[in-house]
Amino acid sequence: MAGEGGAGTLQLRPEDKKTGKSPSARYRLTKAGVMHEIYS
């Protein structure tokens, strides 16, 4: 599972949930509400 451990403890602020991005900008919140780590 991508971001396991990191995503589990990651706290998203309301504004982050709106944009679908985490404070680290390395995670994306999908429409399903599942966080995936972005590889760029």
N, C-alpha and C. Protein backbone atom coordinates (compact mmCIF):
# COMPACT_ATOMS: atom_id res chain seq x y z
N MET A 1 0.85 -1.19 0.00
CA MET A 1 0.00 0.00 0.00
C MET A 1 0.89 1.24 0.00
N ALA A 2 0.70 2.10 -0.96
CA ALA A 2 1.55 3.28 -1.10
C ALA A 2 1.33 4.26 0.05
N GLY A 3 2.42 4.71 0.62
CA GLY A 3 2.33 5.69 1.70
C GLY A 3 1.89 5.09 3.01
N GLU A 4 2.01 3.77 3.17
CA GLU A 4 1.59 3.14 4.41
C GLU A 4 2.47 3.64 5.55
N GLY A 5 1.87 4.01 6.66
CA GLY A 5 2.61 4.56 7.78
C GLY A 5 2.61 6.07 7.71
N GLY A 6 3.00 6.61 6.56
CA GLY A 6 3.01 8.05 6.39
C GLY A 6 1.60 8.59 6.26
N ALA A 7 0.82 7.95 5.39
CA ALA A 7 -0.55 8.41 5.15
C ALA A 7 -1.43 8.16 6.37
N GLY A 8 -1.07 7.15 7.13
CA GLY A 8 -1.88 6.80 8.29
C GLY A 8 -1.82 7.85 9.38
N THR A 9 -0.69 8.56 9.44
CA THR A 9 -0.52 9.56 10.50
C THR A 9 -0.68 10.97 9.96
N LEU A 10 -0.91 11.08 8.65
CA LEU A 10 -0.99 12.40 8.02
C LEU A 10 -2.31 13.07 8.36
N GLN A 11 -2.23 14.27 8.88
CA GLN A 11 -3.45 15.01 9.23
C GLN A 11 -3.73 16.06 8.15
N LEU A 12 -4.88 15.92 7.50
CA LEU A 12 -5.24 16.87 6.46
C LEU A 12 -6.08 18.00 7.03
N ARG A 13 -5.74 19.22 6.64
CA ARG A 13 -6.55 20.37 7.04
C ARG A 13 -7.72 20.49 6.08
N PRO A 14 -8.79 21.18 6.46
CA PRO A 14 -9.97 21.34 5.60
C PRO A 14 -9.60 21.85 4.21
N GLU A 15 -8.68 22.79 4.12
CA GLU A 15 -8.30 23.35 2.83
C GLU A 15 -7.55 22.32 1.99
N ASP A 16 -6.84 21.42 2.68
CA ASP A 16 -6.11 20.38 1.96
C ASP A 16 -7.08 19.36 1.37
N LYS A 17 -8.15 19.09 2.11
CA LYS A 17 -9.16 18.14 1.62
C LYS A 17 -9.87 18.70 0.39
N LYS A 18 -10.03 20.02 0.36
CA LYS A 18 -10.70 20.65 -0.79
C LYS A 18 -9.85 20.50 -2.05
N THR A 19 -8.56 20.67 -1.90
CA THR A 19 -7.67 20.59 -3.06
C THR A 19 -7.30 19.16 -3.36
N GLY A 20 -7.51 18.27 -2.40
CA GLY A 20 -7.19 16.86 -2.61
C GLY A 20 -5.71 16.60 -2.46
N LYS A 21 -5.01 17.53 -1.85
CA LYS A 21 -3.56 17.36 -1.68
C LYS A 21 -3.19 17.50 -0.21
N SER A 22 -2.13 16.80 0.16
CA SER A 22 -1.66 16.86 1.53
C SER A 22 -0.67 18.01 1.68
N PRO A 23 -0.36 18.42 2.92
CA PRO A 23 0.61 19.48 3.17
C PRO A 23 1.96 19.20 2.52
N SER A 24 2.33 17.93 2.38
CA SER A 24 3.62 17.57 1.80
C SER A 24 3.56 17.63 0.28
N ALA A 25 2.35 17.69 -0.27
CA ALA A 25 2.13 17.75 -1.71
C ALA A 25 2.61 16.49 -2.41
N ARG A 26 2.87 15.43 -1.64
CA ARG A 26 3.31 14.18 -2.23
C ARG A 26 2.19 13.15 -2.24
N TYR A 27 1.05 13.56 -1.68
CA TYR A 27 -0.08 12.63 -1.62
C TYR A 27 -1.30 13.25 -2.29
N ARG A 28 -2.13 12.40 -2.87
CA ARG A 28 -3.34 12.89 -3.53
C ARG A 28 -4.54 12.14 -2.98
N LEU A 29 -5.58 12.86 -2.67
CA LEU A 29 -6.79 12.24 -2.18
C LEU A 29 -7.73 11.99 -3.36
N THR A 30 -7.99 10.72 -3.64
CA THR A 30 -8.82 10.37 -4.78
C THR A 30 -10.29 10.58 -4.47
N LYS A 31 -11.13 10.45 -5.49
CA LYS A 31 -12.57 10.63 -5.30
C LYS A 31 -13.12 9.59 -4.35
N ALA A 32 -12.45 8.44 -4.28
CA ALA A 32 -12.88 7.36 -3.39
C ALA A 32 -12.50 7.65 -1.95
N GLY A 33 -11.70 8.70 -1.74
CA GLY A 33 -11.30 9.06 -0.39
C GLY A 33 -10.08 8.30 0.06
N VAL A 34 -9.39 7.70 -0.91
CA VAL A 34 -8.19 6.94 -0.59
C VAL A 34 -6.96 7.75 -0.97
N MET A 35 -6.00 7.79 -0.06
CA MET A 35 -4.80 8.56 -0.34
C MET A 35 -3.79 7.74 -1.11
N HIS A 36 -3.21 8.34 -2.17
CA HIS A 36 -2.18 7.69 -2.95
C HIS A 36 -0.98 8.60 -3.03
N GLU A 37 0.21 8.01 -2.94
CA GLU A 37 1.42 8.80 -3.03
C GLU A 37 1.72 9.10 -4.50
N ILE A 38 2.07 10.34 -4.78
CA ILE A 38 2.34 10.75 -6.15
C ILE A 38 3.82 10.55 -6.48
N TYR A 39 4.07 9.81 -7.53
CA TYR A 39 5.46 9.63 -8.00
C TYR A 39 5.65 10.49 -9.22
N SER A 40 6.56 11.46 -9.11
CA SER A 40 6.76 12.35 -10.24
C SER A 40 8.22 12.42 -10.63
